[in-house]
Protein backbone atom coordinates (compact mmCIF):
# COMPACT_ATOMS: atom_id res chain seq x y z
CA UNK A 1 31.61 15.43 -42.61
CA UNK A 2 30.81 17.85 -39.82
CA UNK A 3 27.34 16.70 -40.02
CA UNK A 4 28.27 13.01 -39.74
CA UNK A 5 30.18 13.70 -36.75
CA UNK A 6 27.51 15.55 -34.86
CA UNK A 7 25.17 12.94 -35.54
CA UNK A 8 27.55 10.26 -34.34
CA UNK A 9 28.17 12.31 -31.31
CA UNK A 10 24.44 12.62 -30.19
CA UNK A 11 23.48 10.61 -27.08
CA UNK A 12 20.35 8.48 -27.36
CA UNK A 13 19.90 9.06 -23.64
CA UNK A 14 20.14 12.80 -23.99
CA UNK A 15 17.31 15.43 -23.34
CA UNK A 16 17.28 16.74 -26.87
CA UNK A 17 13.65 17.59 -28.01
CA UNK A 18 13.95 15.22 -30.98
CA UNK A 19 14.48 12.20 -28.29
CA UNK A 20 11.57 13.20 -26.34
CA UNK A 21 8.26 12.29 -27.71
CA UNK A 22 5.36 14.62 -27.16
CA UNK A 23 7.38 17.24 -25.30
CA UNK A 24 6.07 19.89 -27.67
CA UNK A 25 2.40 18.90 -26.13
CA UNK A 26 3.39 19.76 -22.61
CA UNK A 27 1.51 23.21 -21.75
CA UNK A 28 3.03 25.57 -19.36
CA UNK A 29 3.11 24.83 -15.79
CA UNK A 30 0.21 27.28 -14.88
CA UNK A 31 -1.93 25.55 -16.95
CA UNK A 32 -1.50 21.97 -15.45
CA UNK A 33 -1.56 23.49 -12.10
CA UNK A 34 -4.86 24.90 -12.68
CA UNK A 35 -5.97 21.23 -13.62
CA UNK A 36 -4.44 20.09 -10.44
CA UNK A 37 -6.20 22.42 -8.50
CA UNK A 38 -9.46 21.64 -9.94
CA UNK A 39 -8.94 17.90 -8.89
CA UNK A 40 -8.13 18.94 -5.44
CA UNK A 41 -11.09 21.21 -4.97
CA UNK A 42 -13.31 18.41 -6.45
CA UNK A 43 -11.82 15.90 -3.80
CA UNK A 44 -12.26 18.44 -0.95
CA UNK A 45 -15.79 19.43 -1.91
CA UNK A 46 -16.76 15.86 -1.95
CA UNK A 47 -15.32 15.30 1.29
CA UNK A 48 -17.24 18.39 2.85
CA UNK A 49 -20.30 17.32 0.81
CA UNK A 50 -20.07 13.86 2.72
CA UNK A 51 -19.29 15.11 6.10
CA UNK A 52 -22.19 17.64 6.14
CA UNK A 53 -24.79 15.38 5.07
CA UNK A 54 -26.86 13.61 7.75
CA UNK A 55 -25.84 9.88 6.56
CA UNK A 56 -22.88 8.62 8.06
CA UNK A 57 -19.78 7.08 6.56
CA UNK A 58 -20.72 3.41 5.40
CA UNK A 59 -19.17 0.74 7.59
CA UNK A 60 -19.44 -2.96 7.50
CA UNK A 61 -22.00 -3.11 10.30
CA UNK A 62 -24.34 -0.86 8.08
CA UNK A 63 -24.40 -3.70 5.39
CA UNK A 64 -26.80 -6.63 5.19
CA UNK A 65 -24.15 -8.93 4.03
CA UNK A 66 -24.78 -12.78 3.17
CA UNK A 67 -21.87 -13.66 5.34
CA UNK A 68 -20.95 -12.52 8.94
CA UNK A 69 -17.64 -10.82 8.79
CA UNK A 70 -15.17 -9.75 11.21
CA UNK A 71 -13.02 -6.51 11.65
CA UNK A 72 -10.50 -5.49 14.26
CA UNK A 73 -10.33 -2.07 16.02
CA UNK A 74 -7.31 -0.05 17.50
CA UNK A 75 -7.19 -1.17 21.52
CA UNK A 76 -5.25 0.26 24.27
CA UNK A 77 -2.46 -1.60 25.89
CA UNK A 78 -4.56 -2.36 28.76
CA UNK A 79 -7.54 -3.65 26.74
CA UNK A 80 -5.01 -5.96 24.94
CA UNK A 81 -3.42 -6.97 28.09
CA UNK A 82 -6.88 -7.86 29.58
CA UNK A 83 -7.81 -9.80 26.59
CA UNK A 84 -4.78 -11.95 26.73
CA UNK A 85 -5.29 -12.52 30.42
CA UNK A 86 -9.23 -13.56 29.73
CA UNK A 87 -8.22 -16.07 27.17
CA UNK A 88 -5.24 -17.52 29.38
CA UNK A 89 -7.99 -18.16 32.20
CA UNK A 90 -10.20 -19.68 29.67
CA UNK A 91 -7.26 -22.13 28.63
CA UNK A 92 -6.41 -22.68 32.17
CA UNK A 93 -10.17 -23.57 32.84
CA UNK A 94 -10.22 -25.99 29.91
CA UNK A 95 -7.19 -27.82 30.91
CA UNK A 96 -8.42 -28.05 34.46
CA UNK A 97 -11.58 -29.78 33.41
CA UNK A 98 -9.67 -32.21 31.45
CA UNK A 99 -10.49 -30.99 27.86
CA UNK A 100 -6.93 -29.87 27.27
CA UNK A 101 -6.79 -26.63 25.13
CA UNK A 102 -6.95 -25.20 21.74
CA UNK A 103 -6.87 -21.86 20.15
CA UNK A 104 -10.09 -20.86 18.07
CA UNK A 105 -8.13 -18.98 15.41
CA UNK A 106 -10.02 -17.14 12.24
CA UNK A 107 -9.06 -18.40 9.01
CA UNK A 108 -7.34 -16.12 6.82
CA UNK A 109 -7.35 -18.47 3.82
CA UNK A 110 -8.37 -17.20 0.26
CA UNK A 111 -11.73 -18.84 0.43
CA UNK A 112 -12.66 -16.84 3.82
CA UNK A 113 -12.00 -13.51 2.00
CA UNK A 114 -14.94 -11.38 0.72
CA UNK A 115 -14.69 -8.31 -1.45
CA UNK A 116 -17.49 -5.41 -0.36
CA UNK A 117 -18.13 -3.28 -3.30
CA UNK A 118 -20.07 -0.64 -1.31
CA UNK A 119 -16.78 -0.33 0.75
CA UNK A 120 -14.42 -1.07 -1.90
CA UNK A 121 -12.45 -3.17 0.12
CA UNK A 122 -11.67 -7.08 0.89
CA UNK A 123 -12.87 -8.15 4.29
CA UNK A 124 -12.35 -11.37 6.34
CA UNK A 125 -15.38 -13.70 6.85
CA UNK A 126 -16.01 -15.25 10.14
CA UNK A 127 -14.78 -19.00 9.34
CA UNK A 128 -12.37 -20.02 12.02
CA UNK A 129 -10.31 -23.27 12.92
CA UNK A 130 -9.28 -24.76 16.18
CA UNK A 131 -5.46 -25.08 16.67
CA UNK A 132 -5.36 -28.06 19.25
CA UNK A 133 -2.23 -28.52 21.41
CA UNK A 134 -3.34 -32.38 21.41
CA UNK A 135 -3.35 -32.80 17.68
CA UNK A 136 0.18 -33.70 16.17
CA UNK A 137 -0.70 -31.54 13.11
CA UNK A 138 -1.55 -28.45 14.95
CA UNK A 139 0.55 -28.71 18.10
CA UNK A 140 3.55 -26.79 16.75
CA UNK A 141 1.50 -24.02 15.70
CA UNK A 142 -0.62 -23.97 18.83
CA UNK A 143 3.03 -23.63 20.79
CA UNK A 144 4.25 -20.80 18.54
CA UNK A 145 0.54 -19.18 19.31
CA UNK A 146 0.81 -19.47 22.97
CA UNK A 147 4.68 -18.02 22.84
CA UNK A 148 3.38 -14.92 20.87
CA UNK A 149 0.87 -14.20 23.29
CA UNK A 150 3.15 -14.52 26.20
CA UNK A 151 5.62 -12.02 24.32
CA UNK A 152 2.88 -9.54 23.68
CA UNK A 153 1.62 -9.69 27.39
CA UNK A 154 5.30 -8.62 28.26
CA UNK A 155 5.15 -5.84 25.61
CA UNK A 156 1.94 -4.50 27.33
CA UNK A 157 3.29 -4.74 30.87
CA UNK A 158 6.33 -2.90 29.78
CA UNK A 159 4.71 -0.41 27.46
CA UNK A 160 7.57 -0.72 24.80
CA UNK A 161 7.60 -1.59 21.00
CA UNK A 162 9.75 -4.13 19.27
CA UNK A 163 10.14 -5.15 15.61
CA UNK A 164 8.94 -8.21 14.31
CA UNK A 165 12.49 -9.34 13.81
CA UNK A 166 12.99 -8.83 17.45
CA UNK A 167 10.01 -10.99 18.19
CA UNK A 168 11.66 -13.67 16.15
CA UNK A 169 14.85 -13.65 17.86
CA UNK A 170 13.42 -14.41 21.10
CA UNK A 171 12.89 -17.83 20.35
CA UNK A 172 14.73 -18.96 17.02
CA UNK A 173 14.56 -22.63 17.61
CA UNK A 174 10.75 -22.73 18.09
CA UNK A 175 9.92 -20.09 15.14
CA UNK A 176 12.51 -21.45 12.96
CA UNK A 177 11.64 -18.84 10.35
CA UNK A 178 10.58 -15.27 10.65
CA UNK A 179 7.45 -15.89 8.20
CA UNK A 180 5.89 -18.31 10.86
CA UNK A 181 6.20 -15.92 13.60
CA UNK A 182 4.94 -13.00 11.52
CA UNK A 183 1.84 -15.26 10.29
CA UNK A 184 0.93 -16.12 13.86
CA UNK A 185 1.10 -12.63 14.87
CA UNK A 186 -1.42 -11.79 12.24
CA UNK A 187 -3.65 -14.48 13.68
CA UNK A 188 -3.19 -13.24 17.29
CA UNK A 189 -4.47 -9.98 16.09
CA UNK A 190 -7.53 -11.62 14.61
CA UNK A 191 -8.16 -13.49 17.76
CA UNK A 192 -7.87 -10.49 19.92
CA UNK A 193 -10.00 -8.52 17.83
CA UNK A 194 -7.10 -5.63 17.56
CA UNK A 195 -5.23 -4.05 14.91
CA UNK A 196 -1.36 -5.30 14.71
CA UNK A 197 -0.29 -1.74 15.72
CA UNK A 198 -2.22 -2.42 19.09
CA UNK A 199 0.11 -5.08 19.86
CA UNK A 200 3.07 -2.82 19.74
CA UNK A 201 4.84 -4.89 17.25
CA UNK A 202 6.25 -2.87 14.51
CA UNK A 203 8.16 -3.60 10.91
CA UNK A 204 11.65 -2.14 10.32
CA UNK A 205 11.38 1.40 8.52
CA UNK A 206 10.98 0.56 4.65
CA UNK A 207 8.81 3.44 2.99
CA UNK A 208 9.95 7.08 2.52
CA UNK A 209 8.28 10.19 1.89
CA UNK A 210 9.38 13.67 0.42
CA UNK A 211 7.71 16.79 -0.85
CA UNK A 212 5.40 19.17 0.46
CA UNK A 213 4.46 17.79 3.91
CA UNK A 214 5.50 18.78 7.32
CA UNK A 215 4.18 16.54 10.25
CA UNK A 216 5.51 16.12 13.94
CA UNK A 217 7.13 12.79 14.56
CA UNK A 218 7.16 11.78 18.25
CA UNK A 219 7.00 15.61 18.87
CA UNK A 220 9.89 16.54 16.27
CA UNK A 221 8.60 18.61 13.54
CA UNK A 222 9.86 17.33 10.14
CA UNK A 223 9.74 19.23 6.88
CA UNK A 224 9.79 16.71 4.01
CA UNK A 225 11.32 19.39 1.71
CA UNK A 226 14.34 19.64 3.69
CA UNK A 227 15.14 15.72 3.69
CA UNK A 228 17.18 15.71 0.65
CA UNK A 229 17.08 12.94 -1.99
CA UNK A 230 16.50 10.04 -0.01
CA UNK A 231 13.42 11.70 2.00
CA UNK A 232 12.21 10.90 5.46
CA UNK A 233 11.62 7.32 6.35
CA UNK A 234 8.00 6.67 7.49
CA UNK A 235 7.83 5.94 11.02
CA UNK A 236 6.95 2.50 11.82
CA UNK A 237 4.44 3.49 14.71
CA UNK A 238 1.83 5.85 13.25
CA UNK A 239 0.91 6.84 16.77
CA UNK A 240 4.11 9.01 16.74
CA UNK A 241 2.82 10.86 13.65
CA UNK A 242 0.67 13.98 13.90
CA UNK A 243 0.13 17.51 13.04
CA UNK A 244 -0.06 17.05 9.27
CA UNK A 245 0.34 20.33 7.31
CA UNK A 246 0.72 20.83 3.55
CA UNK A 247 0.16 23.00 0.49
CA UNK A 248 0.48 19.94 -1.83
CA UNK A 249 -2.08 19.48 -4.66
CA UNK A 250 -1.81 15.93 -4.65
CA UNK A 251 0.05 12.72 -3.35
CA UNK A 252 2.04 10.75 -5.92
CA UNK A 253 2.37 7.30 -4.68
CA UNK A 254 5.28 5.40 -6.63
CA UNK A 255 5.99 1.90 -6.63
CA UNK A 256 9.59 1.69 -7.11
CA UNK A 257 12.73 3.11 -5.30
CA UNK A 258 14.25 4.10 -8.58
CA UNK A 259 11.29 6.34 -9.91
CA UNK A 260 11.03 8.00 -6.47
CA UNK A 261 14.76 8.89 -6.33
CA UNK A 262 14.36 10.22 -9.95
CA UNK A 263 11.43 12.52 -8.80
CA UNK A 264 12.90 13.56 -5.66
CA UNK A 265 16.43 14.61 -7.32
CA UNK A 266 14.35 16.68 -10.04
CA UNK A 267 12.62 18.35 -7.16
CA UNK A 268 9.30 17.44 -8.79
CA UNK A 269 7.31 18.27 -5.87
CA UNK A 270 8.36 22.02 -6.16
CA UNK A 271 7.22 22.16 -9.99
CA UNK A 272 4.05 20.46 -9.41
CA UNK A 273 3.32 20.96 -5.64
CA UNK A 274 2.82 17.02 -4.45
CA UNK A 275 3.98 14.72 -1.47
CA UNK A 276 5.77 11.83 -3.09
CA UNK A 277 5.86 8.38 -1.20
CA UNK A 278 7.10 4.82 -1.93
CA UNK A 279 7.24 1.57 -0.17
CA UNK A 280 10.09 0.59 -2.17
CA UNK A 281 8.08 -2.43 -3.85
CA UNK A 282 5.50 -4.57 -1.71
CA UNK A 283 3.43 -2.25 0.42
CA UNK A 284 4.34 -2.54 4.28
CA UNK A 285 1.91 -1.85 6.97
CA UNK A 286 3.47 1.47 8.08
CA UNK A 287 3.39 2.95 4.60
CA UNK A 288 -0.40 1.93 4.13
CA UNK A 289 -1.10 3.43 7.37
CA UNK A 290 0.65 6.72 6.62
CA UNK A 291 -0.80 7.05 2.99
CA UNK A 292 -4.34 6.66 4.52
CA UNK A 293 -3.57 9.15 7.18
CA UNK A 294 -2.25 11.74 4.60
CA UNK A 295 -5.40 11.10 2.42
CA UNK A 296 -7.86 11.60 5.17
CA UNK A 297 -6.29 14.61 7.17
CA UNK A 298 -5.09 16.59 4.06
CA UNK A 299 -8.17 15.69 1.88
CA UNK A 300 -5.86 15.20 -1.17
CA UNK A 301 -6.36 13.08 -4.62
CA UNK A 302 -3.75 10.08 -4.57
CA UNK A 303 -2.33 9.26 -7.96
CA UNK A 304 -0.46 5.94 -8.37
CA UNK A 305 2.70 5.29 -10.73
CA UNK A 306 3.44 1.65 -10.91
CA UNK A 307 5.01 -0.70 -13.34
CA UNK A 308 3.10 -1.99 -16.40
CA UNK A 309 2.83 -5.59 -15.35
CA UNK A 310 0.33 -7.64 -13.21
CA UNK A 311 2.37 -7.11 -9.99
CA UNK A 312 2.24 -3.32 -10.39
CA UNK A 313 -1.60 -3.42 -10.51
CA UNK A 314 -1.52 -6.12 -7.55
CA UNK A 315 0.46 -3.45 -5.61
CA UNK A 316 -1.92 -0.61 -6.43
CA UNK A 317 -5.06 -2.74 -5.33
CA UNK A 318 -3.16 -3.59 -1.91
CA UNK A 319 -3.14 0.04 -1.00
CA UNK A 320 -6.68 0.57 -2.39
CA UNK A 321 -8.81 -2.47 -1.48
CA UNK A 322 -6.48 -4.16 0.96
CA UNK A 323 -4.29 -7.38 0.95
CA UNK A 324 -5.96 -10.76 1.57
CA UNK A 325 -3.36 -11.60 4.17
CA UNK A 326 -4.50 -8.83 6.44
CA UNK A 327 -8.29 -8.48 5.50
CA UNK A 328 -9.16 -8.46 8.80
CA UNK A 329 -7.59 -4.81 9.31
CA UNK A 330 -8.75 -3.41 5.99
CA UNK A 331 -10.84 -0.86 7.40
CA UNK A 332 -7.51 0.73 8.99
CA UNK A 333 -5.07 0.04 5.97
CA UNK A 334 -6.74 0.89 2.79
CA UNK A 335 -6.84 4.12 1.13
CA UNK A 336 -10.13 4.76 -0.84
CA UNK A 337 -10.23 6.37 -4.43
CA UNK A 338 -6.63 6.07 -5.48
CA UNK A 339 -6.15 6.66 -9.14
CA UNK A 340 -3.94 4.75 -11.68
CA UNK A 341 -1.83 7.31 -13.50
CA UNK A 342 0.66 5.05 -15.04
CA UNK A 343 2.47 3.44 -16.42
CA UNK A 344 -0.47 1.71 -18.32
CA UNK A 345 -0.24 -1.07 -21.01
CA UNK A 346 -1.86 1.46 -23.35
CA UNK A 347 0.94 3.93 -22.53
CA UNK A 348 3.53 1.60 -24.18
CA UNK A 349 2.12 2.30 -27.69
CA UNK A 350 0.72 5.69 -26.90
CA UNK A 351 4.09 7.20 -25.83
CA UNK A 352 5.89 4.76 -28.28
CA UNK A 353 7.98 3.04 -25.89
CA UNK A 354 10.80 1.12 -27.84
CA UNK A 355 10.36 -2.62 -28.38
CA UNK A 356 13.87 -3.22 -26.73
CA UNK A 357 12.59 -1.54 -23.45
CA UNK A 358 9.40 -3.83 -23.38
CA UNK A 359 9.50 -7.21 -21.74
CA UNK A 360 7.79 -10.32 -22.78
CA UNK A 361 5.48 -11.64 -20.02
CA UNK A 362 6.33 -15.11 -18.71
CA UNK A 363 3.42 -17.72 -18.11
CA UNK A 364 3.36 -16.91 -14.56
CA UNK A 365 2.75 -13.24 -15.48
CA UNK A 366 0.09 -14.01 -17.89
CA UNK A 367 -1.58 -16.57 -15.24
CA UNK A 368 -1.59 -13.55 -12.64
CA UNK A 369 -2.92 -11.21 -15.02
CA UNK A 370 -5.79 -13.47 -15.85
CA UNK A 371 -6.43 -14.06 -12.14
CA UNK A 372 -6.68 -10.72 -11.60
CA UNK A 373 -9.36 -10.07 -14.13
CA UNK A 374 -11.45 -12.49 -12.12
CA UNK A 375 -11.19 -10.62 -9.07
CA UNK A 376 -14.33 -8.37 -8.02
CA UNK A 377 -12.11 -5.34 -7.30
CA UNK A 378 -10.87 -5.40 -10.76
CA UNK A 379 -14.31 -6.11 -12.68
CA UNK A 380 -15.87 -2.99 -10.85
CA UNK A 381 -13.41 -0.57 -12.57
CA UNK A 382 -14.06 -1.25 -16.37
CA UNK A 383 -10.82 0.88 -17.15
CA UNK A 384 -8.62 -1.57 -15.22
CA UNK A 385 -10.43 -4.39 -16.95
CA UNK A 386 -9.57 -2.77 -20.29
CA UNK A 387 -5.94 -2.31 -19.43
CA UNK A 388 -5.35 -5.54 -17.83
CA UNK A 389 -6.98 -7.38 -21.00
CA UNK A 390 -4.84 -5.42 -23.31
CA UNK A 391 -1.54 -6.49 -21.28
CA UNK A 392 -2.51 -10.14 -21.34
CA UNK A 393 -3.40 -10.03 -25.16
CA UNK A 394 -0.06 -8.41 -26.13
CA UNK A 395 1.84 -10.38 -23.82
CA UNK A 396 3.94 -7.32 -23.09
CA UNK A 397 5.00 -5.64 -19.75
CA UNK A 398 7.15 -2.70 -18.95
CA UNK A 399 8.66 -1.01 -15.91
CA UNK A 400 8.64 2.65 -15.29
CA UNK A 401 12.40 2.86 -16.05
CA UNK A 402 11.23 2.19 -19.75
CA UNK A 403 10.60 5.70 -20.16
CA UNK A 404 14.48 6.26 -19.65
CA UNK A 405 15.31 5.31 -23.17
CA UNK A 406 13.97 9.01 -23.98
CA UNK A 407 16.31 10.65 -21.54
CA UNK A 408 16.69 10.16 -17.70
CA UNK A 409 14.54 12.92 -16.86
CA UNK A 410 11.56 12.12 -19.32
CA UNK A 411 9.35 10.79 -16.37
CA UNK A 412 9.65 13.95 -14.69
CA UNK A 413 9.78 16.58 -17.71
CA UNK A 414 7.44 15.02 -20.12
CA UNK A 415 5.53 11.86 -18.99
CA UNK A 416 4.06 13.03 -15.87
CA UNK A 417 3.31 16.70 -16.65
CA UNK A 418 1.56 15.47 -19.90
CA UNK A 419 -0.33 13.04 -17.86
CA UNK A 420 -1.53 15.51 -15.36
CA UNK A 421 -2.45 18.11 -17.98
CA UNK A 422 -4.43 15.45 -19.73
CA UNK A 423 -6.11 14.24 -16.67
CA UNK A 424 -5.15 10.92 -17.94
CA UNK A 425 -5.79 8.52 -14.72
CA UNK A 426 -8.33 5.61 -13.80
């Protein structure tokens, strides 16, 4: 009777060994730390070998591509101001000559994108379209473009930053929707040949970081081990960030806020020295810039933890290869050699994820998965192809939180330590 009572009271979400598959396989922390140290050493050795060799870092200009491609660079405020003024003078001259005016805007359509295997990122080809003021189909966008240029010029004169939301509210009746002003803002970056950061327009803070990282934010030293469970908001202006210091062995890139909070509360970064960063879903520009800066300055490997669905892989690819929407700035926004740690489709059976924690893929999910299989940046990685093919075949997906069926701390106490121990990443 007592045994029955005991069984009845057992909590299925508890951290009892019997409820945590493979916990007995996890080796002592020092063993796992040795594995991580080897990974970090190999990454740093590769960086040193690359920097000491006579060959310089490969750029778009070094490649003989069949298509001409365009890239933007960081420009000073004075250079941005001069570019806008030169463009304005050309428009004035065109109007005075009786030709009206039009903006020559680079096309950011999917057909004008190119994946470059040598650089492992998506770039923008040189096709452009005229945005004419005299054409009824483009007059509104031409007007929005002129207004955005005027507002950027004001920012240059005042040397101040504004958010994309601020920019939208300067002329709500014209813009109508923020997606329209945001889209034209990217067009203006392409037209002027500068990064979006150079325009002094930033997005609201979204990403957060916690763990073994110290950096200066506008002159203030920030210790990310003392930021509590919520972590430190990633500064929207990357120019404010400097003096990065860390004793971490790797950077853990997490897709979801829920998984990030679990790892932060468990102080995972103290058990396995790391920096944990998340954009809480879709990657924003500030988080992408911050991740790249950490990778380049600290010379650390980046391991990614995303959902086992097509969108998790898309998010991972945006960090690594760039987004098609901002391919013009992929050189500054992409972080090379991000390793896919989990959750992978093969993990569902490997870690015995219960059926009730797996979700059936929708028709749209399956279509997205098949479309990804046609992408060159996926085809380049056989491991990605194998995992994505398995996902589409089984028609099953799962979120990181599915691991909570074995206990709320299974992610930090078993799954991740075992993954790191086995060097199970792609």
